[in-house]
Amino acid sequence: MLDDLEAAARAYHQAQEAVTEAQQRVTQAREAVPVARDRLAKEIVRATLAGARQVDVMAASGYSREQVRRILRAAGVEAQ
């Protein structure tokens, strides 16, 4: 009788721990997003300055033409 209760309590505590761990992973992932976004923006600028066509930059980045233009304008680069 108590074996089942103890097993249920362990399962409950494990589930709670899993939620805590998942929340920590989500927090870490959220913190990584701005870093990755900044890197992508820098690479868009670098590729454009190196002569990459905007259509190729769009394809590689997954960004729309307007998003690419916004990034370039923010960096002081005129879109081609």
Protein backbone atom coordinates (compact mmCIF):
# COMPACT_ATOMS: atom_id res chain seq x y z
CA MET A 1 0.00 0.00 0.00
CA LEU A 2 2.71 2.53 0.92
CA ASP A 3 4.86 1.30 -1.94
CA ASP A 4 2.31 2.65 -4.41
CA LEU A 5 2.08 5.93 -2.50
CA GLU A 6 5.86 6.32 -2.44
CA ALA A 7 6.08 5.50 -6.14
CA ALA A 8 3.41 8.09 -6.92
CA ALA A 9 5.21 10.68 -4.78
CA ARG A 10 8.52 9.95 -6.55
CA ALA A 11 6.85 10.25 -9.94
CA TYR A 12 5.30 13.57 -8.92
CA HIS A 13 8.62 14.98 -7.69
CA GLN A 14 10.38 13.78 -10.83
CA ALA A 15 7.74 15.50 -12.94
CA GLN A 16 8.25 18.72 -10.97
CA GLU A 17 12.01 18.49 -11.46
CA ALA A 18 11.51 17.89 -15.17
CA VAL A 19 9.44 21.07 -15.41
CA THR A 20 12.12 23.06 -13.58
CA GLU A 21 14.83 21.68 -15.88
CA ALA A 22 12.71 22.43 -18.95
CA GLN A 23 12.16 26.00 -17.76
CA GLN A 24 15.91 26.42 -17.35
CA ARG A 25 16.48 25.13 -20.89
CA VAL A 26 13.85 27.55 -22.22
CA THR A 27 15.53 30.42 -20.39
CA GLN A 28 18.91 29.47 -21.85
CA ALA A 29 17.41 29.19 -25.33
CA ARG A 30 15.75 32.59 -25.00
CA GLU A 31 19.05 34.13 -23.93
CA ALA A 32 20.75 32.62 -26.99
CA VAL A 33 18.27 34.16 -29.45
CA PRO A 34 19.54 37.78 -29.37
CA VAL A 35 23.13 36.58 -29.67
CA ALA A 36 22.27 34.46 -32.70
CA ARG A 37 20.19 37.30 -34.20
CA ASP A 38 23.10 39.74 -33.84
CA ARG A 39 25.48 37.27 -35.43
CA LEU A 40 23.07 36.75 -38.32
CA ALA A 41 22.75 40.51 -38.83
CA LYS A 42 26.53 40.92 -38.86
CA GLU A 43 26.87 38.12 -41.39
CA ILE A 44 24.17 39.68 -43.58
CA VAL A 45 26.12 42.94 -43.58
CA ARG A 46 29.42 41.16 -44.18
CA ALA A 47 28.01 39.12 -47.07
CA THR A 48 26.45 42.21 -48.64
CA LEU A 49 29.68 44.19 -48.39
CA ALA A 50 31.49 41.23 -49.95
CA GLY A 51 29.16 41.49 -52.96
CA ALA A 52 26.52 38.86 -52.25
CA ARG A 53 23.26 39.41 -54.10
CA GLN A 54 20.32 40.36 -51.94
CA VAL A 55 18.29 37.42 -53.22
CA ASP A 56 21.08 35.08 -52.09
CA VAL A 57 21.28 36.78 -48.69
CA MET A 58 17.52 36.37 -48.34
CA ALA A 59 17.68 32.69 -49.25
CA ALA A 60 20.56 31.95 -46.88
CA SER A 61 19.15 33.93 -43.95
CA GLY A 62 15.48 33.09 -44.33
CA TYR A 63 14.69 36.79 -43.96
CA SER A 64 12.43 38.77 -46.25
CA ARG A 65 13.76 41.49 -48.53
CA GLU A 66 12.48 44.15 -46.14
CA GLN A 67 14.10 42.50 -43.11
CA VAL A 68 17.42 42.38 -44.94
CA ARG A 69 17.07 46.03 -45.96
CA ARG A 70 16.28 47.03 -42.38
CA ILE A 71 19.38 45.27 -41.10
CA LEU A 72 21.53 46.87 -43.77
CA ARG A 73 20.13 50.35 -43.13
CA ALA A 74 20.74 49.95 -39.39
CA ALA A 75 24.37 49.14 -40.20
CA GLY A 76 24.66 52.13 -42.53
CA VAL A 77 24.85 49.96 -45.64
CA GLU A 78 22.78 50.79 -48.70
CA ALA A 79 20.87 47.77 -50.01
CA GLN A 80 21.65 46.85 -53.60
